[in-house]
Amino acid sequence: MKKTTGWFSLLALSISLVCHQAAANSRLTASAIRVMDAQGNNVSQPLLDNNPATQWQSKLDYNRWLEMDLKGTYQLSELQFSTPLNTLTRFDIYSSDDGVTYRKIASAKTSKSNERLPLNVRASRLRINITDYSAGTKGVVNDISLTGDKISDTAPMPPAIRVADYTTTEWAKRHERRQNTTYRQQEVISEAQALVERVLGAQYQNRFIFAVAPSTTGKDSFTVKEADGKISISGPNGISLASGLNWYLKNYLHANYDPLNVSNLTIPTNWPMPKGVTEKDTPYQYKYALNFCTPSYTMAFWRWHDYEKFLDWAAMNGVNLMLDVVGQEEVQRRMLHQFGYSDNDVRQYLPGPAYFGWFYMANMQSFGGPLPQSWFAQRTELARKIHDRMEVYGITPVFPGFAGQVPDTFAAKNPQAQVIDQGDWVGFVRPPMLRTYVKQGEDYFSKVADVYYQTLKTTFGDISHYYAVDPFHEGGNRADLDMVKVAQTVQNKMLEHDKDAVWIIQNWQENPTDAFLNGLKKEHALILDLYADNKPNHAIRHEFSNTPWIWNMLHAFGGRMGFSGMPEVLAQEIPQSLAESKYMKGVGVTAESLGTNPMLYEMLYDMAWEKSPISSTAYIHNWLTSRYGAQSPEIEQAWDIMVKTAYHRRKDRQRAEDSIIDAKPGFGVTRACTYYTALIDYDKAEFEKILPLYLSVYDRFKDNPAYQHDLVDITRQILANASYEYYRAFEDAWMAQDYSAFNQLSGKFLRLIKLQDKVLSTRPEFMLGTWINSARSMLDGMDDWTRDQFEFNARAMVTTWGAEQAADAGLRDYSNRQWQGLTGDFYYQRWATWIQALKTAAATGQKQDAIKVNWFPQEYRWVNQTGNGYPTQPSGRDIRQLAQQALAEFSVTSEDLRPYRESKDKRNLALNKPVFTHGDIINAEFSTERVVDGQPSTLWGNKTWPADLIIDLQGVQKVDGIELEFEQTAEDMRNPVVSGWTVEIQDAQGNWRTIQDKSKDFSQKQVVNAVPYKGEAQKVRVTLTSADFKLRPDLKPQLAEVRVLAATQ
C-alpha cells in the first residue's frame, strides 16, 4: 500500500481563475495560484495549464485532498469543471478566508462532462474532496476554472500553533501545592465529597464522612463503618476512599455506578447504616487499566465530561495505574520541530483521532488526518485536566515511551539519521524506526530520545515514572538489531531522564522475547500479561524470566458486541495465580474497548480486594441486586442460564462473538470479523429462555435505566443468534434450488435486521448517531471540514476500518457494532444487495462461483457521507413489545427453521478415510491422515506448491457439502487464510468434476470454508494452488481438516 496521508480523495484537475476587479476584468495567471496536495507539495503543474486534455489523478488509496491557495481574497461566483465522459463524481467543496476555518459551500454529484456550479462566497483558499468516483479508485477531473471578484491582493496566513509550557500553567501550581501533605489530604477529602455530588447528588454529601488514614500494608485499603449516624469511609488516598464509597453503594444502597453501561442510582428513602466495621486491603501494588486500542475503539471522540465520568468509575473500582495518550500529539509536534518539521508537516504525519491507538504502537501514520490547528492547544489542556484529577485520586498516568518511531520523511530531513523501514501492518505502511544503536555514524536514536523525554516533561510535567512502548508490535522489521541491546538502549534512555522509570511492556504474540527480557533491568520493568483471561503466558514464560507482571483481562476486541466472558476464570484463577507466583504485582483490564459486559469488569476489579477464590455465582447474584436495586429470583435464574451459555468457561478465540448481520455477505460466512473471532458455541435455544424471565419482571423494573439497557442488550443477542440460523437456512435453500423457500427465508432474514434496528433504537448506547455526533462535536469551534473529517473517522472505524487495502487485508468489520442506523442502513443494504444478486442468479441460471459483488465502493461511499443523518435520541418504541416480537417471530426454535436444524449435525464421510497426496509432506507430523482425523489442532502439510489431497470415500456416497478447515493460528497472530484452492469430486462413473475454483483467489478467508455441493461422489480432491506470499511469505500448503458431509435421508 502507498503512503496514506489525509483522508479525502483528491480532486484531479487543471485550474484557471478569472478575476474581476472594479476597474477591469483580468485573467489570473498560473503564477498567481498555488495548488497543494495533502502532503504540502506544490502540484500546480499540470493543474494550471488551462488545457482540458491534461489530467491530474488521485492515487489508489482514496485518501487525498487538494488545497488551492488563491494568493489573495476573492468573492467567488462560479466554479466550472469537466470530468471524463460516462462517469459519476460526487464531491464536496470547502472555502476559507483565513486559512484556518473551512466552511462547506457545496456538495454535489455530476455525470456531465462540463459542470457549472454557482458560488457566492468570499475565499482565499478552497479545498476539494471527491467522495465517490464511478470509474474506479482514482478521482479524475479534466479541467476547472473559478470566476470571481478580487477583494484583496493579500490573504491571511494561518497563525502559528501556540501551547504554553506546563510550568507556566495553573496545573503546575496545583501539582506543586500537593507536595504539602496537609494540603494534599484535604484536597483528597474534598474530591471524595465532590464525587458523592457527581454520582449521587449534592443533597447526599452530608451523609458521608471521609478521612485520610495510613495503610498498614503500604497498599490501597479502605474502612467503612458508622460514625455519628453517618457513613464513615477512610483510606490512604483518593482511590481508596472512592473504592470504599463504591463498596457501600453496591452492598448497602444496592446502587451501581457505570457511566458506560448505564447506572442504577435509585436511592432508597431510608439509608442503611454499615453493620460493624468493614476493612478491605488489596494484596496488589497495581490495578491497571486500558489498552492502546481503547482510546480509539471507545474514547476516540471523548471530551472532559466523558473522561470525568470514566475517571470517577475507575477510582471507584480501585484503578491506580492507567495508560494515557491524550494530548501526546503536542509532544510529537514539539519534538519534531527540533528535526526540521513544520506544524503542517506534523499535522500531516499524525493520524485522525480514531487511529491514535495504532500510531502510538508504531503500526501506522497519517490516515484519518490531518488534525486541525486547534487540536494541539485543546487536547493538551484536556490532558492536563485529566492528569490533575488523576493525581488527586492517586491514579498514575502511563505515558508513551520512545523506541525510535519517526515519520517516513525523517531521513530526507535528517540525512545522517539511520532508519529501518518497518514494512506494512494490515494494509498500512508503518512509520520507520531509528536504529536503536549504531556501529558508526551519528546516533540519532539517542538524540531524538533525549528531545522526546525532555519535551514530555515540558509539556506535561514530571508527574509519572511509567512509560509504555513496544518495539516491533505485531511485526515490524528487526533487521540486524540485537534484541538484548534494543531492550538495554531503550530502557537506559528512559532511566537517563527518569531514574525511577518503569517500562511497561505488553506481552502480546511473541513479545517480549526471552532475549529482550534478558536486556532489561527487571526492577525497572513491568510486563502486562495482556490476555491472561484466555491465554495466560506468565506460567509458561516462567513469570517472564522473573520480571514483575500484571494479570490482565483483554476480553473485548474491536468494540464488537455480544454477551461473552468467563466469570469463573476471574473468580478462581486470579487468586490462584497470586498464590503460585512471586512476581505478580497486580490485576488489570486491557480490553480493546469498553461498554459491554459490565459485570465482568466490576468483577475483575473487585477481585483485586480478594486473596482467595470466591463463588462466581454468589458474586453475580449480589451484583444483580446492585444493578437493578433489588433482588429478583427471576433475574437470578436468567443469569444462571447466562453463565451456562454465553459465559461458560472455555478458552478459544477473540471475544466477543459478533452477529452475522454485521458480516460482509457471501457463501459460507461464519462471523462478521474474520480475525479469529469466537464463534457462538452455546445452545442458542437455551439462551432464549433468558428473555421471558426478564420480561416477567418488566412492570417491577421498567423504570430502572439499567434494566431497560440490559433488556435491549438481551433482545439484541437473541436476534443476533437467530441471524446465524436464518442466514444458513436461506443459503441452504438457495443451494438446494428451493427458490420458494429461499425467497421466504431471505425475506424473513431482512425483516429480522429491520427489527434489530428498531430494538437498538430504544437506547442511546446502541445508536450510531451517538458515536457520530461525538465525533462532530469533540472540539470547541469545529469548522465544517473538521466535523466532516472526524465523521469520516467515526464511520470508517466501524466499517471498512481504513481504505481498501486495509479492508481487504482483514480489517473490514473488525470493529463492527450492533448499533441502530448501522444495522438498518449499512448492514441491511449489504445483505439486500447480496440477496438480490442470488435472486438474479437463480433467475438467469448463473453459477455460484460467478456471483460477485464489489463491496468496497459501496461501503466507502457510505463512509464518505457526512452530516450525521442518524438520530441521537431514542425512538420511544416499546422495548417490551419489540422483545416479545423477537421471540414470537425469530426464535431459533421456529418451525420454518426445523428442516435446517435437523441437517445441522451432518456425518463426516471423510473421517479416517484413506488419503493420498502428490509431493513430499513437510515431515511426519504433517502426514496426510491428519486431514481426516477429526482434530483441527493437527495439520497436513506439503513442502511445495501446489499440493493436492485425494480422499477416497470407499464407495459412492451422497454428499451435502464439503468443508475446508485451515490452521487456527496462535491468538491474533495476524496470519490470515490467504490460500487459493480447487475442489473436485469424482462421480459414480469415475469422472472428475470441479465444484469450486478459487485457484487465483488469495484474499483473506475464513478458518472454516464451506464448499457447497449436493450430489454423489466417491472421491474428493482438494488442491491448494498458491497463496498471497506478501502477507505470508513463508506459508506452506497446509490444511487442518477436510470434511465431506453426508446428505440426510
Foldseek 3Di string as FASTA:
>chain_A
DDAAFAAFAAAKAAEWEWAQEPVGTDTDALVQKFKAKRLRDTPNVPNHVQFLVDIGKTDQFRGIKMKMQNLAKWFWFKKKFFFDAPKKWWKWKWFDQAQFFTFTFDTDMDRGRMDMDTGGDIHRMMMMGTLAMGVHRMRMTRYMYIYTYTDTSHGHDDDAQDAAWPCVDVLVVLVVVCVDPVVLQVLLQVVLLVLCCVQARNVCSVQEDEGADEDPVNFWKWKWFDDPNHIYIYINANLSRLQVVQVCLLQFQLWAQDVLQATFRDGDPDGDGDDDMDMFGFPFRFAEEAALLACQLAVLLDALVVLVSVVSVCSNLPHAEYEDEFLCLLLVQQLCVVQDDGPSNSLRFAAHSNCRSCVLQQQATNHLDRDRSVRNNRRLVRSSVSLSVSVSRNHAYAYAADLFFDAQCRCVSVVQWAWDFFQHDLLHGGGIGTDLDDPDTDRVSLVSRVSSLVSVCRSRNDGHQHHEYEPQPLHTDPDPDQLLVSLQSRVVSSCVSPVQHAYEYEPDDCPPPLSNLNNDPQNRYEYELADQQFDGDCVVCVNVVQHAYEAEHQAAFQQAADQAEALQCLLAVVLVCVVPDDRHRYYYYHYSYDNYDVLSRSSNSVCSRPNHGDDSLVSVQSSVCSLQVHGDPLQSVLVVLVCQFRHDDDHFAHDDFHFCLQAQDDPPDQGRFQQRYDGRPGDLLSNLVSLVSLLVCCVVRVVRVSSLSVNLSSLLNNLRVLLVLLVVQLSLCLLVLVVVLNVVSLVLSLVSLVLLLLSQLQDLSQALLQQLVSQLPSDPPHHPVSSLSSLLSSLCSQACNGTDSSSQLRNGRSNHGSHRPCSNPVSSVSSVVVSVLSVVCSVVVNDRVPRDDPCRSVSSSVSNDDDRPTDNHRPPDDNSVSSVCCCVRRGCPDPSSVVVVVQVDFDFLQAQFDKDKPAAWPDPQQDPNQQRPPDLQGKHFHDDPKMKMKGFSPDKAWFFKKKFAAHPDDHSSSQFQQWWKWKWFQFPVRDIDTQDGRLPGRTGDHRMGIRGDGGMGRMMMMIGHGHDCVSPVNDTDMTRYMTTGHDDD
